[in-house]
PDB file of all heavy atoms in Angstrom:
ATOM      1  N   VAL A   1       7.758 -23.982 -29.634  1.00  0.00           N
ATOM      2  CA  VAL A   1       8.163 -24.259 -28.263  1.00  0.00           C
ATOM      3  C   VAL A   1       6.966 -24.794 -27.480  1.00  0.00           C
ATOM      4  O   VAL A   1       5.836 -24.347 -27.666  1.00  0.00           O
ATOM      5  CB  VAL A   1       8.687 -22.971 -27.590  1.00  0.00           C
ATOM      6  CG1 VAL A   1       9.136 -23.243 -26.172  1.00  0.00           C
ATOM      7  CG2 VAL A   1       9.810 -22.374 -28.410  1.00  0.00           C
ATOM      8  N   GLN A   2       7.229 -25.745 -26.597  1.00  0.00           N
ATOM      9  CA  GLN A   2       6.180 -26.258 -25.718  1.00  0.00           C
ATOM     10  C   GLN A   2       6.448 -25.779 -24.299  1.00  0.00           C
ATOM     11  O   GLN A   2       7.568 -25.859 -23.810  1.00  0.00           O
ATOM     12  CB  GLN A   2       6.149 -27.775 -25.718  1.00  0.00           C
ATOM     13  CG  GLN A   2       5.139 -28.316 -24.707  1.00  0.00           C
ATOM     14  CD  GLN A   2       5.312 -29.789 -24.454  1.00  0.00           C
ATOM     15  OE1 GLN A   2       5.509 -30.559 -25.369  1.00  0.00           O
ATOM     16  NE2 GLN A   2       5.255 -30.170 -23.191  1.00  0.00           N
ATOM     17  N   PHE A   3       5.413 -25.251 -23.659  1.00  0.00           N
ATOM     18  CA  PHE A   3       5.505 -24.806 -22.269  1.00  0.00           C
ATOM     19  C   PHE A   3       4.595 -25.661 -21.410  1.00  0.00           C
ATOM     20  O   PHE A   3       3.450 -25.892 -21.769  1.00  0.00           O
ATOM     21  CB  PHE A   3       5.068 -23.340 -22.135  1.00  0.00           C
ATOM     22  CG  PHE A   3       5.951 -22.385 -22.871  1.00  0.00           C
ATOM     23  CD1 PHE A   3       5.617 -21.948 -24.143  1.00  0.00           C
ATOM     24  CD2 PHE A   3       7.119 -21.915 -22.300  1.00  0.00           C
ATOM     25  CE1 PHE A   3       6.419 -21.054 -24.835  1.00  0.00           C
ATOM     26  CE2 PHE A   3       7.937 -21.022 -22.978  1.00  0.00           C
ATOM     27  CZ  PHE A   3       7.580 -20.600 -24.246  1.00  0.00           C
ATOM     28  N   ASN A   4       5.106 -26.131 -20.290  1.00  0.00           N
ATOM     29  CA  ASN A   4       4.276 -26.801 -19.298  1.00  0.00           C
ATOM     30  C   ASN A   4       3.816 -25.734 -18.319  1.00  0.00           C
ATOM     31  O   ASN A   4       4.639 -25.020 -17.756  1.00  0.00           O
ATOM     32  CB  ASN A   4       5.069 -27.878 -18.557  1.00  0.00           C
ATOM     33  CG  ASN A   4       5.506 -28.990 -19.471  1.00  0.00           C
ATOM     34  OD1 ASN A   4       4.772 -29.378 -20.361  1.00  0.00           O
ATOM     35  ND2 ASN A   4       6.700 -29.491 -19.267  1.00  0.00           N
ATOM     36  N   THR A   5       2.530 -25.623 -18.138  1.00  0.00           N
ATOM     37  CA  THR A   5       2.022 -24.561 -17.280  1.00  0.00           C
ATOM     38  C   THR A   5       0.829 -25.028 -16.467  1.00  0.00           C
ATOM     39  O   THR A   5       0.071 -25.889 -16.898  1.00  0.00           O
ATOM     40  CB  THR A   5       1.654 -23.319 -18.118  1.00  0.00           C
ATOM     41  OG1 THR A   5       1.164 -22.301 -17.251  1.00  0.00           O
ATOM     42  CG2 THR A   5       0.599 -23.624 -19.159  1.00  0.00           C
ATOM     43  N   ASP A   6       0.696 -24.467 -15.296  1.00  0.00           N
ATOM     44  CA  ASP A   6      -0.478 -24.744 -14.468  1.00  0.00           C
ATOM     45  C   ASP A   6      -0.893 -23.529 -13.653  1.00  0.00           C
ATOM     46  O   ASP A   6      -1.720 -23.618 -12.772  1.00  0.00           O
ATOM     47  CB  ASP A   6      -0.234 -25.949 -13.554  1.00  0.00           C
ATOM     48  CG  ASP A   6       0.928 -25.733 -12.602  1.00  0.00           C
ATOM     49  OD1 ASP A   6       1.642 -24.727 -12.746  1.00  0.00           O
ATOM     50  OD2 ASP A   6       1.116 -26.570 -11.709  1.00  0.00           O
ATOM     51  N   ILE A   7      -0.317 -22.398 -13.978  1.00  0.00           N
ATOM     52  CA  ILE A   7      -0.632 -21.172 -13.256  1.00  0.00           C
ATOM     53  C   ILE A   7      -1.129 -20.134 -14.255  1.00  0.00           C
ATOM     54  O   ILE A   7      -0.483 -19.894 -15.279  1.00  0.00           O
ATOM     55  CB  ILE A   7       0.610 -20.637 -12.495  1.00  0.00           C
ATOM     56  CG1 ILE A   7       1.112 -21.711 -11.519  1.00  0.00           C
ATOM     57  CG2 ILE A   7       0.298 -19.337 -11.781  1.00  0.00           C
ATOM     58  CD1 ILE A   7       2.428 -21.386 -10.873  1.00  0.00           C
ATOM     59  N   ARG A   8      -2.272 -19.536 -13.977  1.00  0.00           N
ATOM     60  CA  ARG A   8      -2.900 -18.600 -14.902  1.00  0.00           C
ATOM     61  C   ARG A   8      -1.967 -17.456 -15.301  1.00  0.00           C
ATOM     62  O   ARG A   8      -1.866 -17.101 -16.464  1.00  0.00           O
ATOM     63  CB  ARG A   8      -4.189 -18.018 -14.306  1.00  0.00           C
ATOM     64  CG  ARG A   8      -4.918 -17.106 -15.280  1.00  0.00           C
ATOM     65  CD  ARG A   8      -5.962 -16.255 -14.596  1.00  0.00           C
ATOM     66  NE  ARG A   8      -5.438 -15.379 -13.569  1.00  0.00           N
ATOM     67  CZ  ARG A   8      -4.844 -14.214 -13.794  1.00  0.00           C
ATOM     68  NH1 ARG A   8      -4.669 -13.776 -15.005  1.00  0.00           N
ATOM     69  NH2 ARG A   8      -4.413 -13.474 -12.793  1.00  0.00           N
ATOM     70  N   VAL A   9      -1.261 -16.876 -14.352  1.00  0.00           N
ATOM     71  CA  VAL A   9      -0.403 -15.730 -14.640  1.00  0.00           C
ATOM     72  C   VAL A   9       0.719 -16.125 -15.604  1.00  0.00           C
ATOM     73  O   VAL A   9       1.032 -15.391 -16.538  1.00  0.00           O
ATOM     74  CB  VAL A   9       0.179 -15.142 -13.333  1.00  0.00           C
ATOM     75  CG1 VAL A   9       1.165 -14.040 -13.616  1.00  0.00           C
ATOM     76  CG2 VAL A   9      -0.934 -14.632 -12.436  1.00  0.00           C
ATOM     77  N   ILE A  10       1.300 -17.292 -15.389  1.00  0.00           N
ATOM     78  CA  ILE A  10       2.364 -17.753 -16.286  1.00  0.00           C
ATOM     79  C   ILE A  10       1.791 -18.048 -17.669  1.00  0.00           C
ATOM     80  O   ILE A  10       2.383 -17.682 -18.684  1.00  0.00           O
ATOM     81  CB  ILE A  10       3.083 -18.976 -15.695  1.00  0.00           C
ATOM     82  CG1 ILE A  10       3.849 -18.561 -14.435  1.00  0.00           C
ATOM     83  CG2 ILE A  10       4.008 -19.624 -16.720  1.00  0.00           C
ATOM     84  CD1 ILE A  10       4.476 -19.694 -13.673  1.00  0.00           C
ATOM     85  N   THR A  11       0.636 -18.685 -17.710  1.00  0.00           N
ATOM     86  CA  THR A  11      -0.006 -18.981 -18.991  1.00  0.00           C
ATOM     87  C   THR A  11      -0.303 -17.699 -19.750  1.00  0.00           C
ATOM     88  O   THR A  11      -0.043 -17.602 -20.954  1.00  0.00           O
ATOM     89  CB  THR A  11      -1.308 -19.777 -18.766  1.00  0.00           C
ATOM     90  OG1 THR A  11      -0.995 -20.953 -18.011  1.00  0.00           O
ATOM     91  CG2 THR A  11      -1.944 -20.170 -20.085  1.00  0.00           C
ATOM     92  N   GLN A  12      -0.814 -16.713 -19.066  1.00  0.00           N
ATOM     93  CA  GLN A  12      -1.124 -15.423 -19.687  1.00  0.00           C
ATOM     94  C   GLN A  12       0.152 -14.775 -20.238  1.00  0.00           C
ATOM     95  O   GLN A  12       0.153 -14.247 -21.344  1.00  0.00           O
ATOM     96  CB  GLN A  12      -1.787 -14.499 -18.672  1.00  0.00           C
ATOM     97  CG  GLN A  12      -2.201 -13.167 -19.241  1.00  0.00           C
ATOM     98  CD  GLN A  12      -2.909 -12.311 -18.196  1.00  0.00           C
ATOM     99  OE1 GLN A  12      -3.189 -12.747 -17.090  1.00  0.00           O
ATOM    100  NE2 GLN A  12      -3.207 -11.087 -18.557  1.00  0.00           N
ATOM    101  N   THR A  13       1.226 -14.843 -19.500  1.00  0.00           N
ATOM    102  CA  THR A  13       2.498 -14.274 -19.945  1.00  0.00           C
ATOM    103  C   THR A  13       3.010 -14.991 -21.189  1.00  0.00           C
ATOM    104  O   THR A  13       3.483 -14.349 -22.136  1.00  0.00           O
ATOM    105  CB  THR A  13       3.538 -14.348 -18.815  1.00  0.00           C
ATOM    106  OG1 THR A  13       3.027 -13.664 -17.674  1.00  0.00           O
ATOM    107  CG2 THR A  13       4.857 -13.734 -19.225  1.00  0.00           C
ATOM    108  N   ILE A  14       2.910 -16.305 -21.215  1.00  0.00           N
ATOM    109  CA  ILE A  14       3.332 -17.087 -22.384  1.00  0.00           C
ATOM    110  C   ILE A  14       2.523 -16.683 -23.608  1.00  0.00           C
ATOM    111  O   ILE A  14       3.070 -16.440 -24.691  1.00  0.00           O
ATOM    112  CB  ILE A  14       3.176 -18.598 -22.114  1.00  0.00           C
ATOM    113  CG1 ILE A  14       4.166 -19.057 -21.037  1.00  0.00           C
ATOM    114  CG2 ILE A  14       3.352 -19.401 -23.401  1.00  0.00           C
ATOM    115  CD1 ILE A  14       3.876 -20.439 -20.481  1.00  0.00           C
ATOM    116  N   VAL A  15       1.210 -16.589 -23.444  1.00  0.00           N
ATOM    117  CA  VAL A  15       0.327 -16.236 -24.564  1.00  0.00           C
ATOM    118  C   VAL A  15       0.631 -14.835 -25.081  1.00  0.00           C
ATOM    119  O   VAL A  15       0.725 -14.608 -26.292  1.00  0.00           O
ATOM    120  CB  VAL A  15      -1.157 -16.362 -24.139  1.00  0.00           C
ATOM    121  CG1 VAL A  15      -2.084 -15.784 -25.189  1.00  0.00           C
ATOM    122  CG2 VAL A  15      -1.503 -17.817 -23.878  1.00  0.00           C
ATOM    123  N   GLU A  16       0.807 -13.891 -24.181  1.00  0.00           N
ATOM    124  CA  GLU A  16       1.091 -12.513 -24.599  1.00  0.00           C
ATOM    125  C   GLU A  16       2.442 -12.399 -25.308  1.00  0.00           C
ATOM    126  O   GLU A  16       2.570 -11.685 -26.290  1.00  0.00           O
ATOM    127  CB  GLU A  16       1.016 -11.576 -23.392  1.00  0.00           C
ATOM    128  CG  GLU A  16      -0.406 -11.389 -22.906  1.00  0.00           C
ATOM    129  CD  GLU A  16      -0.509 -10.601 -21.617  1.00  0.00           C
ATOM    130  OE1 GLU A  16       0.532 -10.201 -21.048  1.00  0.00           O
ATOM    131  OE2 GLU A  16      -1.650 -10.390 -21.164  1.00  0.00           O
ATOM    132  N   ALA A  17       3.447 -13.127 -24.815  1.00  0.00           N
ATOM    133  CA  ALA A  17       4.761 -13.103 -25.464  1.00  0.00           C
ATOM    134  C   ALA A  17       4.697 -13.735 -26.856  1.00  0.00           C
ATOM    135  O   ALA A  17       5.283 -13.218 -27.807  1.00  0.00           O
ATOM    136  CB  ALA A  17       5.786 -13.840 -24.603  1.00  0.00           C
ATOM    137  N   ALA A  18       3.952 -14.814 -26.980  1.00  0.00           N
ATOM    138  CA  ALA A  18       3.797 -15.463 -28.285  1.00  0.00           C
ATOM    139  C   ALA A  18       3.084 -14.546 -29.264  1.00  0.00           C
ATOM    140  O   ALA A  18       3.453 -14.471 -30.440  1.00  0.00           O
ATOM    141  CB  ALA A  18       3.027 -16.767 -28.135  1.00  0.00           C
ATOM    142  N   LYS A  19       2.086 -13.840 -28.776  1.00  0.00           N
ATOM    143  CA  LYS A  19       1.373 -12.898 -29.646  1.00  0.00           C
ATOM    144  C   LYS A  19       2.315 -11.784 -30.100  1.00  0.00           C
ATOM    145  O   LYS A  19       2.362 -11.441 -31.277  1.00  0.00           O
ATOM    146  CB  LYS A  19       0.175 -12.307 -28.917  1.00  0.00           C
ATOM    147  CG  LYS A  19      -0.605 -11.328 -29.764  1.00  0.00           C
ATOM    148  CD  LYS A  19      -1.765 -10.730 -29.011  1.00  0.00           C
ATOM    149  CE  LYS A  19      -2.500  -9.729 -29.878  1.00  0.00           C
ATOM    150  NZ  LYS A  19      -3.541  -9.045 -29.164  1.00  0.00           N
ATOM    151  N   GLU A  20       3.069 -11.233 -29.162  1.00  0.00           N
ATOM    152  CA  GLU A  20       3.993 -10.135 -29.479  1.00  0.00           C
ATOM    153  C   GLU A  20       5.044 -10.576 -30.507  1.00  0.00           C
ATOM    154  O   GLU A  20       5.374  -9.827 -31.420  1.00  0.00           O
ATOM    155  CB  GLU A  20       4.686  -9.665 -28.202  1.00  0.00           C
ATOM    156  CG  GLU A  20       5.588  -8.471 -28.397  1.00  0.00           C
ATOM    157  CD  GLU A  20       6.192  -8.006 -27.082  1.00  0.00           C
ATOM    158  OE1 GLU A  20       5.442  -7.880 -26.092  1.00  0.00           O
ATOM    159  OE2 GLU A  20       7.416  -7.783 -27.049  1.00  0.00           O
ATOM    160  N   GLU A  21       5.528 -11.796 -30.359  1.00  0.00           N
ATOM    161  CA  GLU A  21       6.559 -12.317 -31.260  1.00  0.00           C
ATOM    162  C   GLU A  21       5.961 -12.968 -32.512  1.00  0.00           C
ATOM    163  O   GLU A  21       6.703 -13.386 -33.400  1.00  0.00           O
ATOM    164  CB  GLU A  21       7.437 -13.329 -30.529  1.00  0.00           C
ATOM    165  CG  GLU A  21       8.255 -12.738 -29.411  1.00  0.00           C
ATOM    166  CD  GLU A  21       9.266 -11.722 -29.903  1.00  0.00           C
ATOM    167  OE1 GLU A  21       9.877 -11.936 -30.969  1.00  0.00           O
ATOM    168  OE2 GLU A  21       9.440 -10.697 -29.222  1.00  0.00           O
ATOM    169  N   LYS A  22       4.635 -13.078 -32.535  1.00  0.00           N
ATOM    170  CA  LYS A  22       3.945 -13.778 -33.637  1.00  0.00           C
ATOM    171  C   LYS A  22       4.530 -15.172 -33.812  1.00  0.00           C
ATOM    172  O   LYS A  22       4.843 -15.616 -34.909  1.00  0.00           O
ATOM    173  CB  LYS A  22       4.030 -12.970 -34.928  1.00  0.00           C
ATOM    174  CG  LYS A  22       3.341 -11.636 -34.815  1.00  0.00           C
ATOM    175  CD  LYS A  22       3.446 -10.848 -36.080  1.00  0.00           C
ATOM    176  CE  LYS A  22       2.766  -9.499 -35.828  1.00  0.00           C
ATOM    177  NZ  LYS A  22       3.120  -8.511 -36.790  1.00  0.00           N
ATOM    178  N   SER A  23       4.670 -15.853 -32.688  1.00  0.00           N
ATOM    179  CA  SER A  23       5.331 -17.149 -32.649  1.00  0.00           C
ATOM    180  C   SER A  23       4.365 -18.240 -32.198  1.00  0.00           C
ATOM    181  O   SER A  23       3.652 -18.070 -31.206  1.00  0.00           O
ATOM    182  CB  SER A  23       6.504 -17.075 -31.677  1.00  0.00           C
ATOM    183  OG  SER A  23       7.132 -18.319 -31.570  1.00  0.00           O
ATOM    184  N   PRO A  24       4.358 -19.376 -32.898  1.00  0.00           N
ATOM    185  CA  PRO A  24       3.504 -20.486 -32.458  1.00  0.00           C
ATOM    186  C   PRO A  24       4.095 -21.146 -31.215  1.00  0.00           C
ATOM    187  O   PRO A  24       5.301 -21.084 -30.971  1.00  0.00           O
ATOM    188  CB  PRO A  24       3.537 -21.444 -33.647  1.00  0.00           C
ATOM    189  CG  PRO A  24       4.820 -21.158 -34.328  1.00  0.00           C
ATOM    190  CD  PRO A  24       5.093 -19.689 -34.106  1.00  0.00           C
ATOM    191  N   PHE A  25       3.245 -21.787 -30.427  1.00  0.00           N
ATOM    192  CA  PHE A  25       3.707 -22.508 -29.247  1.00  0.00           C
ATOM    193  C   PHE A  25       2.676 -23.554 -28.867  1.00  0.00           C
ATOM    194  O   PHE A  25       1.550 -23.528 -29.343  1.00  0.00           O
ATOM    195  CB  PHE A  25       3.945 -21.551 -28.069  1.00  0.00           C
ATOM    196  CG  PHE A  25       2.682 -20.971 -27.507  1.00  0.00           C
ATOM    197  CD1 PHE A  25       2.121 -21.510 -26.368  1.00  0.00           C
ATOM    198  CD2 PHE A  25       2.057 -19.908 -28.115  1.00  0.00           C
ATOM    199  CE1 PHE A  25       0.946 -20.989 -25.844  1.00  0.00           C
ATOM    200  CE2 PHE A  25       0.891 -19.380 -27.604  1.00  0.00           C
ATOM    201  CZ  PHE A  25       0.328 -19.920 -26.465  1.00  0.00           C
ATOM    202  N   ILE A  26       3.092 -24.454 -28.028  1.00  0.00           N
ATOM    203  CA  ILE A  26       2.205 -25.473 -27.481  1.00  0.00           C
ATOM    204  C   ILE A  26       2.162 -25.250 -25.982  1.00  0.00           C
ATOM    205  O   ILE A  26       3.200 -25.139 -25.329  1.00  0.00           O
ATOM    206  CB  ILE A  26       2.726 -26.894 -27.783  1.00  0.00           C
ATOM    207  CG1 ILE A  26       2.778 -27.127 -29.294  1.00  0.00           C
ATOM    208  CG2 ILE A  26       1.865 -27.944 -27.090  1.00  0.00           C
ATOM    209  CD1 ILE A  26       3.541 -28.379 -29.698  1.00  0.00           C
ATOM    210  N   CYS A  27       0.973 -25.178 -25.440  1.00  0.00           N
ATOM    211  CA  CYS A  27       0.797 -24.999 -24.004  1.00  0.00           C
ATOM    212  C   CYS A  27       0.295 -26.329 -23.445  1.00  0.00           C
ATOM    213  O   CYS A  27      -0.781 -26.787 -23.796  1.00  0.00           O
ATOM    214  CB  CYS A  27      -0.205 -23.882 -23.747  1.00  0.00           C
ATOM    215  SG  CYS A  27      -0.167 -23.285 -22.078  1.00  0.00           S
ATOM    216  N   LYS A  28       1.094 -26.958 -22.598  1.00  0.00           N
ATOM    217  CA  LYS A  28       0.780 -28.285 -22.086  1.00  0.00           C
ATOM    218  C   LYS A  28       0.479 -28.211 -20.594  1.00  0.00           C
ATOM    219  O   LYS A  28       1.100 -27.448 -19.869  1.00  0.00           O
ATOM    220  CB  LYS A  28       1.968 -29.212 -22.323  1.00  0.00           C
ATOM    221  CG  LYS A  28       1.771 -30.607 -21.795  1.00  0.00           C
ATOM    222  CD  LYS A  28       3.033 -31.420 -22.035  1.00  0.00           C
ATOM    223  CE  LYS A  28       2.918 -32.766 -21.397  1.00  0.00           C
ATOM    224  NZ  LYS A  28       3.502 -32.835 -20.074  1.00  0.00           N
ATOM    225  N   VAL A  29      -0.480 -29.000 -20.183  1.00  0.00           N
ATOM    226  CA  VAL A  29      -0.825 -29.109 -18.767  1.00  0.00           C
ATOM    227  C   VAL A  29      -0.639 -30.570 -18.370  1.00  0.00           C
ATOM    228  O   VAL A  29      -1.143 -31.470 -19.050  1.00  0.00           O
ATOM    229  CB  VAL A  29      -2.280 -28.666 -18.510  1.00  0.00           C
ATOM    230  CG1 VAL A  29      -2.663 -28.864 -17.064  1.00  0.00           C
ATOM    231  CG2 VAL A  29      -2.482 -27.227 -18.929  1.00  0.00           C
ATOM    232  N   SER A  30       0.089 -30.798 -17.306  1.00  0.00           N
ATOM    233  CA  SER A  30       0.328 -32.174 -16.856  1.00  0.00           C
ATOM    234  C   SER A  30      -0.966 -32.786 -16.320  1.00  0.00           C
ATOM    235  O   SER A  30      -1.911 -32.080 -15.956  1.00  0.00           O
ATOM    236  CB  SER A  30       1.394 -32.205 -15.771  1.00  0.00           C
ATOM    237  OG  SER A  30       0.895 -31.614 -14.588  1.00  0.00           O
ATOM    238  N   GLU A  31      -0.982 -34.094 -16.265  1.00  0.00           N
ATOM    239  CA  GLU A  31      -2.151 -34.798 -15.756  1.00  0.00           C
ATOM    240  C   GLU A  31      -2.440 -34.414 -14.309  1.00  0.00           C
ATOM    241  O   GLU A  31      -3.595 -34.199 -13.931  1.00  0.00           O
ATOM    242  CB  GLU A  31      -1.942 -36.310 -15.874  1.00  0.00           C
ATOM    243  CG  GLU A  31      -3.184 -37.108 -15.522  1.00  0.00           C
ATOM    244  CD  GLU A  31      -2.998 -38.599 -15.748  1.00  0.00           C
ATOM    245  OE1 GLU A  31      -2.064 -38.998 -16.462  1.00  0.00           O
ATOM    246  OE2 GLU A  31      -3.811 -39.358 -15.195  1.00  0.00           O
ATOM    247  N   SER A  32      -1.389 -34.278 -13.498  1.00  0.00           N
ATOM    248  CA  SER A  32      -1.596 -33.915 -12.094  1.00  0.00           C
ATOM    249  C   SER A  32      -2.128 -32.483 -11.969  1.00  0.00           C
ATOM    250  O   SER A  32      -2.991 -32.202 -11.137  1.00  0.00           O
ATOM    251  CB  SER A  32      -0.306 -34.078 -11.285  1.00  0.00           C
ATOM    252  OG  SER A  32       0.706 -33.244 -11.800  1.00  0.00           O
ATOM    253  N   ALA A  33      -1.620 -31.571 -12.808  1.00  0.00           N
ATOM    254  CA  ALA A  33      -2.133 -30.193 -12.788  1.00  0.00           C
ATOM    255  C   ALA A  33      -3.577 -30.151 -13.255  1.00  0.00           C
ATOM    256  O   ALA A  33      -4.390 -29.403 -12.718  1.00  0.00           O
ATOM    257  CB  ALA A  33      -1.277 -29.294 -13.664  1.00  0.00           C
ATOM    258  N   LEU A  34      -3.900 -30.978 -14.242  1.00  0.00           N
ATOM    259  CA  LEU A  34      -5.270 -31.047 -14.732  1.00  0.00           C
ATOM    260  C   LEU A  34      -6.215 -31.551 -13.643  1.00  0.00           C
ATOM    261  O   LEU A  34      -7.311 -31.018 -13.466  1.00  0.00           O
ATOM    262  CB  LEU A  34      -5.341 -31.954 -15.959  1.00  0.00           C
ATOM    263  CG  LEU A  34      -6.670 -32.031 -16.677  1.00  0.00           C
ATOM    264  CD1 LEU A  34      -7.086 -30.667 -17.196  1.00  0.00           C
ATOM    265  CD2 LEU A  34      -6.590 -33.025 -17.824  1.00  0.00           C
ATOM    266  N   LYS A  35      -5.759 -32.541 -12.893  1.00  0.00           N
ATOM    267  CA  LYS A  35      -6.568 -33.041 -11.774  1.00  0.00           C
ATOM    268  C   LYS A  35      -6.752 -31.945 -10.721  1.00  0.00           C
ATOM    269  O   LYS A  35      -7.821 -31.786 -10.161  1.00  0.00           O
ATOM    270  CB  LYS A  35      -5.921 -34.268 -11.136  1.00  0.00           C
ATOM    271  CG  LYS A  35      -6.055 -35.515 -11.956  1.00  0.00           C
ATOM    272  CD  LYS A  35      -5.374 -36.684 -11.265  1.00  0.00           C
ATOM    273  CE  LYS A  35      -5.440 -37.929 -12.123  1.00  0.00           C
ATOM    274  NZ  LYS A  35      -4.727 -39.057 -11.504  1.00  0.00           N
ATOM    275  N   TYR A  36      -5.684 -31.189 -10.455  1.00  0.00           N
ATOM    276  CA  TYR A  36      -5.723 -30.124  -9.449  1.00  0.00           C
ATOM    277  C   TYR A  36      -6.634 -28.977  -9.890  1.00  0.00           C
ATOM    278  O   TYR A  36      -7.468 -28.509  -9.141  1.00  0.00           O
ATOM    279  CB  TYR A  36      -4.305 -29.612  -9.175  1.00  0.00           C
ATOM    280  CG  TYR A  36      -4.254 -28.412  -8.281  1.00  0.00           C
ATOM    281  CD1 TYR A  36      -4.490 -28.523  -6.916  1.00  0.00           C
ATOM    282  CD2 TYR A  36      -3.982 -27.152  -8.798  1.00  0.00           C
ATOM    283  CE1 TYR A  36      -4.450 -27.406  -6.081  1.00  0.00           C
ATOM    284  CE2 TYR A  36      -3.938 -26.036  -7.977  1.00  0.00           C
ATOM    285  CZ  TYR A  36      -4.171 -26.175  -6.629  1.00  0.00           C
ATOM    286  OH  TYR A  36      -4.141 -25.073  -5.815  1.00  0.00           O
ATOM    287  N   MET A  37      -6.464 -28.518 -11.143  1.00  0.00           N
ATOM    288  CA  MET A  37      -7.228 -27.362 -11.630  1.00  0.00           C
ATOM    289  C   MET A  37      -8.617 -27.752 -12.120  1.00  0.00           C
ATOM    290  O   MET A  37      -9.525 -26.934 -12.108  1.00  0.00           O
ATOM    291  CB  MET A  37      -6.479 -26.675 -12.783  1.00  0.00           C
ATOM    292  CG  MET A  37      -5.174 -26.063 -12.376  1.00  0.00           C
ATOM    293  SD  MET A  37      -4.410 -25.051 -13.658  1.00  0.00           S
ATOM    294  CE  MET A  37      -4.260 -26.163 -15.024  1.00  0.00           C
ATOM    295  N   GLY A  38      -8.762 -28.979 -12.583  1.00  0.00           N
ATOM    296  CA  GLY A  38     -10.034 -29.417 -13.142  1.00  0.00           C
ATOM    297  C   GLY A  38     -10.113 -29.100 -14.629  1.00  0.00           C
ATOM    298  O   GLY A  38      -9.536 -28.127 -15.103  1.00  0.00           O
ATOM    299  N   ILE A  39     -10.822 -29.946 -15.353  1.00  0.00           N
ATOM    300  CA  ILE A  39     -10.915 -29.787 -16.802  1.00  0.00           C
ATOM    301  C   ILE A  39     -11.659 -28.503 -17.179  1.00  0.00           C
ATOM    302  O   ILE A  39     -11.296 -27.824 -18.144  1.00  0.00           O
ATOM    303  CB  ILE A  39     -11.557 -31.033 -17.467  1.00  0.00           C
ATOM    304  CG1 ILE A  39     -11.472 -30.945 -18.992  1.00  0.00           C
ATOM    305  CG2 ILE A  39     -12.999 -31.212 -17.024  1.00  0.00           C
ATOM    306  CD1 ILE A  39     -10.105 -31.140 -19.548  1.00  0.00           C
ATOM    307  N   GLN A  40     -12.687 -28.138 -16.424  1.00  0.00           N
ATOM    308  CA  GLN A  40     -13.455 -26.934 -16.755  1.00  0.00           C
ATOM    309  C   GLN A  40     -12.603 -25.679 -16.645  1.00  0.00           C
ATOM    310  O   GLN A  40     -12.622 -24.826 -17.525  1.00  0.00           O
ATOM    311  CB  GLN A  40     -14.709 -26.798 -15.863  1.00  0.00           C
ATOM    312  CG  GLN A  40     -15.770 -27.820 -16.148  1.00  0.00           C
ATOM    313  CD  GLN A  40     -15.526 -29.154 -15.454  1.00  0.00           C
ATOM    314  OE1 GLN A  40     -14.640 -29.285 -14.608  1.00  0.00           O
ATOM    315  NE2 GLN A  40     -16.296 -30.157 -15.823  1.00  0.00           N
ATOM    316  N   PHE A  41     -11.835 -25.561 -15.570  1.00  0.00           N
ATOM    317  CA  PHE A  41     -10.983 -24.388 -15.387  1.00  0.00           C
ATOM    318  C   PHE A  41      -9.892 -24.335 -16.450  1.00  0.00           C
ATOM    319  O   PHE A  41      -9.609 -23.289 -17.013  1.00  0.00           O
ATOM    320  CB  PHE A  41     -10.359 -24.383 -13.988  1.00  0.00           C
ATOM    321  CG  PHE A  41      -9.472 -23.197 -13.740  1.00  0.00           C
ATOM    322  CD1 PHE A  41     -10.019 -21.975 -13.388  1.00  0.00           C
ATOM    323  CD2 PHE A  41      -8.096 -23.295 -13.888  1.00  0.00           C
ATOM    324  CE1 PHE A  41      -9.198 -20.868 -13.171  1.00  0.00           C
ATOM    325  CE2 PHE A  41      -7.280 -22.203 -13.676  1.00  0.00           C
ATOM    326  CZ  PHE A  41      -7.832 -20.987 -13.316  1.00  0.00           C
TER     327      PHE A  41
END
């Protein structure tokens, strides 16, 4: 599954659920979210 995310809390929830389910996933950040959050963050 691919998730589009730009909020830390949502990203953390996705990661924890994937770990619990032992399920692979793709975490995607849009170009606009990347500009907003910055590449370092």
